[in-house]
Amino acid sequence: MNLFSNSKILGIIGGGQLGKMLLNDTFKWNIKTYVLDPDKDATAKQFCNKFFCGDLNDFDTIYQFGKKVDVITFEIEHINTEALIKLEEEGVIIYPKPNTLNIIQDKFKQKKFYLDNNIPTSDFIFFNRKKDIYHALETKKIKLPFVWKSTKFGYDGFGVKIINSKADIELIENKPCIIEELIDYKKELSLIICRNLDGDYKLFPTVEMEFNKISNQLETVIFPAEINDKINSEVREVALKIADSFKNVGLLAIEMFLTIDNQILVNEVAPRPHNSGHFTIEGTMTSQFEQHIRAILNLPLGSTKLICAGLMMNLSGSENFSGNVHYENLDKIFKLEGVNLHVYGKKKIRPNRKMGHITILNKNKSKAEEIKNKIKKTIKIISK
């Protein structure tokens, strides 16, 4: 692909904040882009050359969009893979590969993939319906507490619940799921690896993730993670093994548990830009978004050297607010040193919806935490 030729078109499936941030780099390099998203007001709409609105799970919508472009990538997993496979058979270049996406879309297939490739992960059992979970409890096949995960259509904490009692089972949906043992862990870690078509790869710094205990959504990323060199080396080895097993092209974000006894267990992976990698925009020599574009166009990969340590915090919709978004006191944070604001441009707010993020560059973790807490008390994201 001639990078600077407008005769070639890059198609991006998904037009949310990840698509918007990918487009920052395609715009920089004058790459012609088409975007498909179900939301007519998608945040990426104003940044692409042409926007299409349609259902991402509809075969014809995906297929017809794919026939208009030369290369396809995506910022979301919930896509009709049958259409992607047909497009690939007809010569459309798609990265990451549809087969990779097909495995990752289904948490049961994903967990089986780990087992088949000797990748460390927590124990799990597949259930087709809720009543089978009750039976498994009675027969001691599983025990409380455990983690329930819907096999499909989970994201940002949705489709995942910690089940502490039989009463909690009533709250889950009656659909195919996996039950995982509840891991006793010290830290939740993430590492993003990027691999191009030639098999060259770059690993971003390992980071530590902190989640909201109620919504299960990522709240804070600490970069780099506070782990020793031995553990960091093990994390990187696992990431390389996963990327090679998938023969992945593009980004692969890998979420892991560091257990109490210092074992690394893979939780989930995502073949796209990831919330845990937003810090790379200001924090590393090459951002995850630029790296992904480099990889899928088979360009040399950029340096992932850390520029400065710090924290990344998500800006999410406040509880009990829905409707047209209203930001309060955003202007007040511009006086804070090392603070980088990103507003995604979503028009509507709902509780816990990601509306933006802030990267705080400060090698002193205590100072970075102090700034984060000040920001949390200052900014309010509510509805009018």
Protein backbone atom coordinates (compact mmCIF):
# COMPACT_ATOMS: atom_id res chain seq x y z
CA MET A 1 0.00 0.00 0.00
CA ASN A 2 1.33 3.43 -0.98
CA LEU A 3 1.01 5.24 2.34
CA PHE A 4 0.54 8.72 0.92
CA SER A 5 -1.73 7.79 -2.00
CA ASN A 6 -5.38 8.76 -1.78
CA SER A 7 -6.16 6.07 -4.35
CA LYS A 8 -6.06 3.55 -1.46
CA ILE A 9 -8.65 3.58 1.33
CA LEU A 10 -8.34 2.37 4.91
CA GLY A 11 -11.66 1.23 6.38
CA ILE A 12 -12.17 1.38 10.13
CA ILE A 13 -15.08 -0.57 11.62
CA GLY A 14 -16.22 1.27 14.73
CA GLY A 15 -16.31 5.01 15.18
CA GLY A 16 -16.01 5.50 18.92
CA GLN A 17 -13.16 7.15 20.79
CA LEU A 18 -10.68 4.48 19.70
CA GLY A 19 -11.55 5.12 16.07
CA LYS A 20 -11.25 8.85 16.63
CA MET A 21 -7.77 8.47 18.11
CA LEU A 22 -6.70 6.18 15.24
CA LEU A 23 -7.82 8.89 12.83
CA ASN A 24 -5.55 11.43 14.51
CA ASP A 25 -2.65 9.47 13.01
CA THR A 26 -4.19 8.67 9.63
CA PHE A 27 -4.93 12.39 9.23
CA LYS A 28 -1.33 13.19 10.12
CA TRP A 29 -0.11 10.92 7.30
CA ASN A 30 -2.80 11.90 4.75
CA ILE A 31 -4.33 8.41 4.63
CA LYS A 32 -7.81 8.29 3.14
CA THR A 33 -10.27 6.73 5.60
CA TYR A 34 -13.82 5.41 5.65
CA VAL A 35 -15.55 4.66 8.97
CA LEU A 36 -18.58 2.46 9.74
CA ASP A 37 -20.49 2.79 13.02
CA PRO A 38 -24.10 2.18 14.17
CA ASP A 39 -24.30 5.64 15.78
CA LYS A 40 -25.06 8.43 13.31
CA ASP A 41 -23.35 10.83 15.73
CA ALA A 42 -20.24 8.67 16.28
CA THR A 43 -17.28 10.64 17.63
CA ALA A 44 -15.04 9.60 14.71
CA LYS A 45 -17.51 10.86 12.09
CA GLN A 46 -16.04 14.32 11.65
CA PHE A 47 -12.45 13.07 11.34
CA CYS A 48 -12.75 10.59 8.44
CA ASN A 49 -13.07 11.14 4.70
CA LYS A 50 -16.40 9.30 4.51
CA PHE A 51 -18.75 7.99 7.18
CA PHE A 52 -21.27 5.15 6.95
CA CYS A 53 -23.94 4.36 9.53
CA GLY A 54 -24.98 0.73 9.93
CA ASP A 55 -25.31 -2.40 12.06
CA LEU A 56 -21.92 -4.01 12.69
CA ASN A 57 -23.48 -7.42 13.21
CA ASP A 58 -25.31 -7.37 9.87
CA PHE A 59 -23.58 -9.41 7.14
CA ASP A 60 -24.57 -7.17 4.21
CA THR A 61 -23.62 -3.95 6.03
CA ILE A 62 -20.10 -5.20 6.78
CA TYR A 63 -19.69 -6.81 3.36
CA GLN A 64 -20.79 -3.74 1.38
CA PHE A 65 -18.57 -1.47 3.48
CA GLY A 66 -15.62 -3.80 2.94
CA LYS A 67 -16.05 -3.72 -0.85
CA LYS A 68 -15.46 0.05 -0.79
CA VAL A 69 -12.02 -0.09 0.89
CA ASP A 70 -8.60 -1.69 0.37
CA VAL A 71 -7.60 -2.41 3.96
CA ILE A 72 -9.87 -3.03 6.97
CA THR A 73 -9.14 -2.71 10.66
CA PHE A 74 -11.46 -2.32 13.64
CA GLU A 75 -11.73 -0.69 17.05
CA ILE A 76 -14.42 -3.01 18.41
CA GLU A 77 -14.80 -6.80 18.55
CA HIS A 78 -18.55 -7.13 18.02
CA ILE A 79 -18.54 -7.45 14.22
CA ASN A 80 -20.02 -9.97 11.78
CA THR A 81 -17.00 -12.19 11.14
CA GLU A 82 -18.69 -14.20 8.36
CA ALA A 83 -18.69 -11.06 6.23
CA LEU A 84 -15.06 -10.35 7.10
CA ILE A 85 -14.03 -13.89 6.12
CA LYS A 86 -15.79 -13.56 2.76
CA LEU A 87 -14.16 -10.18 2.13
CA GLU A 88 -10.75 -11.66 2.94
CA GLU A 89 -11.38 -14.52 0.51
CA GLU A 90 -12.14 -11.89 -2.15
CA GLY A 91 -8.86 -10.07 -1.62
CA VAL A 92 -9.63 -7.36 0.92
CA ILE A 93 -6.74 -7.00 3.39
CA ILE A 94 -7.98 -7.30 6.98
CA TYR A 95 -5.86 -6.88 10.12
CA PRO A 96 -6.13 -8.29 12.70
CA LYS A 97 -7.32 -11.42 10.91
CA PRO A 98 -11.02 -12.41 10.99
CA ASN A 99 -10.08 -15.78 12.49
CA THR A 100 -8.35 -14.03 15.40
CA LEU A 101 -11.45 -11.91 15.94
CA ASN A 102 -13.68 -14.98 15.72
CA ILE A 103 -11.82 -16.59 18.64
CA ILE A 104 -11.65 -13.46 20.77
CA GLN A 105 -15.35 -12.60 20.30
CA ASP A 106 -16.32 -15.73 22.24
CA LYS A 107 -14.86 -15.96 25.75
CA PHE A 108 -15.24 -19.76 25.76
CA LYS A 109 -13.28 -20.08 22.49
CA GLN A 110 -10.74 -17.61 23.84
CA LYS A 111 -10.15 -19.62 27.03
CA LYS A 112 -9.88 -22.88 25.05
CA PHE A 113 -7.30 -21.19 22.82
CA TYR A 114 -5.18 -20.47 25.89
CA LEU A 115 -5.35 -24.10 26.98
CA ASP A 116 -4.55 -25.41 23.50
CA ASN A 117 -1.49 -23.16 23.30
CA ASN A 118 -0.21 -23.72 26.87
CA ILE A 119 -0.92 -20.14 27.90
CA PRO A 120 -1.50 -19.78 31.66
CA THR A 121 -5.07 -18.82 32.61
CA SER A 122 -7.58 -19.43 35.40
CA ASP A 123 -9.73 -22.58 35.56
CA PHE A 124 -13.14 -22.30 33.86
CA ILE A 125 -16.28 -24.25 32.97
CA PHE A 126 -18.76 -23.54 30.16
CA PHE A 127 -22.52 -23.43 30.90
CA ASN A 128 -25.30 -23.10 28.36
CA ARG A 129 -28.00 -21.91 30.77
CA LYS A 130 -28.51 -20.64 34.30
CA LYS A 131 -30.14 -23.76 35.78
CA ASP A 132 -26.99 -25.76 34.99
CA ILE A 133 -25.02 -23.37 37.23
CA TYR A 134 -27.33 -24.16 40.18
CA HIS A 135 -26.87 -27.88 39.54
CA ALA A 136 -23.07 -27.48 39.39
CA LEU A 137 -23.14 -25.73 42.76
CA GLU A 138 -25.22 -28.49 44.33
CA THR A 139 -22.89 -31.19 43.00
CA LYS A 140 -19.83 -29.17 44.07
CA LYS A 141 -18.53 -28.93 40.51
CA ILE A 142 -18.09 -25.21 41.20
CA LYS A 143 -17.99 -23.26 44.46
CA LEU A 144 -18.75 -19.75 45.61
CA PRO A 145 -17.49 -17.14 45.06
CA PHE A 146 -16.84 -17.27 41.31
CA VAL A 147 -16.73 -15.02 38.25
CA TRP A 148 -19.57 -15.19 35.71
CA LYS A 149 -18.82 -14.07 32.15
CA SER A 150 -21.20 -13.98 29.21
CA THR A 151 -19.46 -15.72 26.32
CA LYS A 152 -20.42 -12.96 23.87
CA PHE A 153 -21.05 -9.20 23.71
CA GLY A 154 -19.31 -8.24 26.93
CA TYR A 155 -17.34 -4.99 27.14
CA ASP A 156 -16.22 -2.36 29.68
CA GLY A 157 -17.33 -4.42 32.66
CA PHE A 158 -20.66 -5.42 31.09
CA GLY A 159 -21.26 -9.15 30.89
CA VAL A 160 -19.00 -9.82 33.89
CA LYS A 161 -20.13 -10.30 37.50
CA ILE A 162 -18.59 -11.61 40.70
CA ILE A 163 -21.07 -14.08 42.21
CA ASN A 164 -20.85 -14.32 45.99
CA SER A 165 -24.13 -16.09 46.76
CA LYS A 166 -27.01 -18.06 45.23
CA ALA A 167 -29.05 -14.85 45.32
CA ASP A 168 -26.49 -13.22 43.00
CA ILE A 169 -27.15 -15.91 40.39
CA GLU A 170 -30.68 -14.54 40.02
CA LEU A 171 -29.14 -11.29 38.71
CA ILE A 172 -27.29 -12.86 35.77
CA GLU A 173 -28.76 -13.46 32.33
CA ASN A 174 -29.90 -16.89 31.21
CA LYS A 175 -27.46 -17.36 28.35
CA PRO A 176 -24.21 -19.17 27.45
CA CYS A 177 -21.44 -18.27 29.85
CA ILE A 178 -18.23 -19.37 31.47
CA ILE A 179 -17.65 -19.64 35.20
CA GLU A 180 -14.11 -18.88 36.31
CA GLU A 181 -12.52 -19.38 39.68
CA LEU A 182 -12.11 -16.13 41.59
CA ILE A 183 -8.38 -15.40 41.52
CA ASP A 184 -6.63 -14.12 44.62
CA TYR A 185 -4.34 -11.57 43.00
CA LYS A 186 -1.99 -8.76 43.99
CA LYS A 187 -2.24 -6.70 40.81
CA GLU A 188 -4.06 -6.57 37.49
CA LEU A 189 -1.57 -5.94 34.72
CA SER A 190 -1.77 -5.10 31.04
CA LEU A 191 0.75 -5.20 28.25
CA ILE A 192 0.16 -4.19 24.64
CA ILE A 193 2.22 -5.88 21.95
CA CYS A 194 2.25 -4.82 18.31
CA ARG A 195 3.30 -7.10 15.45
CA ASN A 196 3.52 -6.33 11.73
CA LEU A 197 3.16 -8.61 8.72
CA ASP A 198 6.89 -9.39 8.68
CA GLY A 199 6.64 -10.69 12.25
CA ASP A 200 8.55 -7.77 13.74
CA TYR A 201 7.15 -6.75 17.10
CA LYS A 202 7.33 -4.08 19.79
CA LEU A 203 6.14 -4.33 23.39
CA PHE A 204 4.85 -1.32 25.26
CA PRO A 205 5.68 -0.92 28.97
CA THR A 206 3.73 -3.17 31.32
CA VAL A 207 1.11 -1.18 33.24
CA GLU A 208 -0.96 -1.70 36.35
CA MET A 209 -4.75 -1.35 36.19
CA GLU A 210 -7.16 -0.32 38.92
CA PHE A 211 -10.87 -1.10 38.43
CA ASN A 212 -14.08 0.25 39.91
CA LYS A 213 -15.27 -2.48 42.27
CA ILE A 214 -18.95 -1.88 41.45
CA SER A 215 -18.96 -1.33 37.67
CA ASN A 216 -15.87 -3.49 36.92
CA GLN A 217 -14.68 -0.69 34.64
CA LEU A 218 -11.09 0.44 34.35
CA GLU A 219 -10.53 3.64 36.33
CA THR A 220 -6.77 4.19 36.56
CA VAL A 221 -3.65 3.01 34.75
CA ILE A 222 -0.28 3.27 36.50
CA PHE A 223 2.67 3.35 34.10
CA PRO A 224 5.00 1.61 34.34
CA ALA A 225 3.70 -1.14 36.64
CA GLU A 226 5.42 -1.45 39.99
CA ILE A 227 6.77 -4.97 39.50
CA ASN A 228 10.26 -6.41 39.60
CA ASP A 229 12.33 -7.30 36.52
CA LYS A 230 11.70 -11.05 36.86
CA ILE A 231 7.91 -10.65 36.83
CA ASN A 232 8.09 -8.09 34.03
CA SER A 233 10.16 -10.52 31.97
CA GLU A 234 7.56 -13.25 32.51
CA VAL A 235 4.76 -10.88 31.46
CA ARG A 236 6.61 -10.04 28.25
CA GLU A 237 7.27 -13.72 27.49
CA VAL A 238 3.56 -14.54 27.87
CA ALA A 239 2.62 -11.61 25.61
CA LEU A 240 5.04 -12.77 22.91
CA LYS A 241 3.69 -16.32 23.10
CA ILE A 242 0.10 -15.13 22.69
CA ALA A 243 0.89 -12.84 19.75
CA ASP A 244 2.83 -15.62 18.02
CA SER A 245 0.07 -18.16 18.71
CA PHE A 246 -2.49 -15.89 17.05
CA LYS A 247 0.04 -14.82 14.36
CA ASN A 248 -1.47 -11.45 15.11
CA VAL A 249 -0.93 -8.37 12.93
CA GLY A 250 -1.62 -5.09 14.69
CA LEU A 251 -2.15 -4.41 18.37
CA LEU A 252 -2.94 -7.06 20.94
CA ALA A 253 -3.78 -5.86 24.46
CA ILE A 254 -3.29 -8.58 27.08
CA GLU A 255 -4.85 -8.30 30.54
CA MET A 256 -3.29 -10.48 33.24
CA PHE A 257 -3.45 -11.25 36.93
CA LEU A 258 -0.37 -11.28 39.13
CA THR A 259 -1.41 -13.81 41.78
CA ILE A 260 -0.51 -13.81 45.45
CA ASP A 261 2.16 -16.43 44.74
CA ASN A 262 3.58 -14.39 41.81
CA GLN A 263 2.07 -16.44 38.99
CA ILE A 264 1.01 -14.74 35.74
CA LEU A 265 -2.50 -15.72 34.54
CA VAL A 266 -4.00 -14.33 31.35
CA ASN A 267 -7.49 -12.90 31.80
CA GLU A 268 -8.54 -11.57 28.39
CA VAL A 269 -7.05 -10.13 25.21
CA ALA A 270 -8.26 -7.49 22.74
CA PRO A 271 -6.95 -7.23 19.13
CA ARG A 272 -7.25 -3.45 18.89
CA PRO A 273 -6.29 -0.22 20.65
CA HIS A 274 -7.08 -0.55 24.34
CA ASN A 275 -8.04 1.72 27.22
CA SER A 276 -4.94 0.60 29.14
CA GLY A 277 -2.78 2.00 26.34
CA HIS A 278 -4.12 5.55 26.17
CA PHE A 279 -1.16 6.75 28.22
CA THR A 280 1.06 6.06 25.18
CA ILE A 281 -0.21 9.20 23.40
CA GLU A 282 1.92 11.36 25.68
CA GLY A 283 3.84 8.73 27.63
CA THR A 284 5.82 6.80 24.98
CA MET A 285 7.80 7.67 21.85
CA THR A 286 5.11 6.09 19.64
CA SER A 287 1.45 5.87 20.63
CA GLN A 288 -0.52 2.62 20.44
CA PHE A 289 -2.65 4.22 17.71
CA GLU A 290 0.25 5.15 15.43
CA GLN A 291 1.82 1.75 16.07
CA HIS A 292 -1.34 -0.04 14.98
CA ILE A 293 -1.44 1.93 11.70
CA ARG A 294 2.25 1.17 11.14
CA ALA A 295 1.66 -2.55 11.70
CA ILE A 296 -1.39 -3.06 9.47
CA LEU A 297 0.35 -1.17 6.62
CA ASN A 298 3.51 -3.24 7.25
CA LEU A 299 5.65 -0.21 8.04
CA PRO A 300 8.63 -0.25 10.40
CA LEU A 301 7.37 -0.16 13.99
CA GLY A 302 8.14 2.82 16.21
CA SER A 303 9.97 3.03 19.52
CA THR A 304 7.92 2.19 22.62
CA LYS A 305 10.39 3.82 25.00
CA LEU A 306 8.73 5.46 27.99
CA ILE A 307 9.06 9.27 27.98
CA CYS A 308 7.80 9.77 31.51
CA ALA A 309 6.05 7.75 34.19
CA GLY A 310 2.63 8.71 35.50
CA LEU A 311 -1.07 7.87 35.67
CA MET A 312 -3.96 7.71 33.23
CA MET A 313 -7.47 8.22 34.60
CA ASN A 314 -10.76 7.68 32.79
CA LEU A 315 -13.43 10.39 32.80
CA SER A 316 -16.80 8.67 33.04
CA GLY A 317 -20.39 9.74 33.35
CA SER A 318 -21.50 10.45 36.91
CA GLU A 319 -23.99 8.16 38.62
CA ASN A 320 -27.68 9.09 38.30
CA PHE A 321 -27.12 11.30 35.23
CA SER A 322 -28.35 10.58 31.69
CA GLY A 323 -28.98 12.85 28.73
CA ASN A 324 -27.08 15.67 26.99
CA VAL A 325 -23.59 15.90 28.45
CA HIS A 326 -22.40 18.88 30.47
CA TYR A 327 -18.81 19.27 31.69
CA GLU A 328 -18.07 21.33 34.78
CA ASN A 329 -14.66 22.82 35.70
CA LEU A 330 -12.65 21.36 32.82
CA ASP A 331 -10.87 24.71 32.48
CA LYS A 332 -9.53 24.50 36.02
CA ILE A 333 -7.23 21.55 35.33
CA PHE A 334 -5.17 23.37 32.70
CA LYS A 335 -3.16 25.00 35.47
CA LEU A 336 -1.91 21.60 36.65
CA GLU A 337 1.53 20.64 35.38
CA GLY A 338 1.84 17.46 33.32
CA VAL A 339 -1.92 17.08 32.82
CA ASN A 340 -3.17 16.12 29.33
CA LEU A 341 -6.93 16.21 28.70
CA HIS A 342 -8.76 14.15 26.06
CA VAL A 343 -12.50 14.70 25.53
CA TYR A 344 -14.09 12.13 23.22
CA GLY A 345 -16.93 14.30 21.94
CA LYS A 346 -19.84 12.05 22.87
CA LYS A 347 -23.05 14.05 23.02
CA LYS A 348 -24.96 11.83 25.44
CA ILE A 349 -24.03 10.79 28.96
CA ARG A 350 -25.10 7.78 30.99
CA PRO A 351 -23.68 6.41 34.24
CA ASN A 352 -20.12 5.08 33.82
CA ARG A 353 -19.98 5.85 30.09
CA LYS A 354 -16.42 6.77 29.12
CA MET A 355 -16.41 10.41 28.07
CA GLY A 356 -12.68 11.10 28.04
CA HIS A 357 -9.42 10.50 29.83
CA ILE A 358 -6.58 12.42 31.42
CA THR A 359 -2.92 11.44 31.34
CA ILE A 360 -0.80 12.78 34.18
CA LEU A 361 2.94 12.77 33.49
CA ASN A 362 4.85 12.75 36.76
CA LYS A 363 7.60 10.32 37.76
CA ASN A 364 6.67 10.83 41.42
CA LYS A 365 3.74 8.43 41.92
CA SER A 366 2.56 10.11 45.13
CA LYS A 367 2.45 13.48 43.39
CA ALA A 368 0.62 11.97 40.40
CA GLU A 369 -1.96 10.43 42.77
CA GLU A 370 -2.38 13.79 44.49
CA ILE A 371 -3.07 15.46 41.14
CA LYS A 372 -5.50 12.67 40.19
CA ASN A 373 -7.48 13.08 43.41
CA LYS A 374 -7.62 16.85 42.91
CA ILE A 375 -8.98 16.35 39.39
CA LYS A 376 -11.61 13.87 40.62
CA LYS A 377 -12.87 16.48 43.09
CA THR A 378 -12.83 19.24 40.48
CA ILE A 379 -14.34 17.82 37.28
CA LYS A 380 -17.99 16.80 37.09
CA ILE A 381 -19.53 15.11 34.05
CA ILE A 382 -23.30 15.40 34.32
CA SER A 383 -26.36 16.00 32.13
CA LYS A 384 -27.99 19.35 31.50
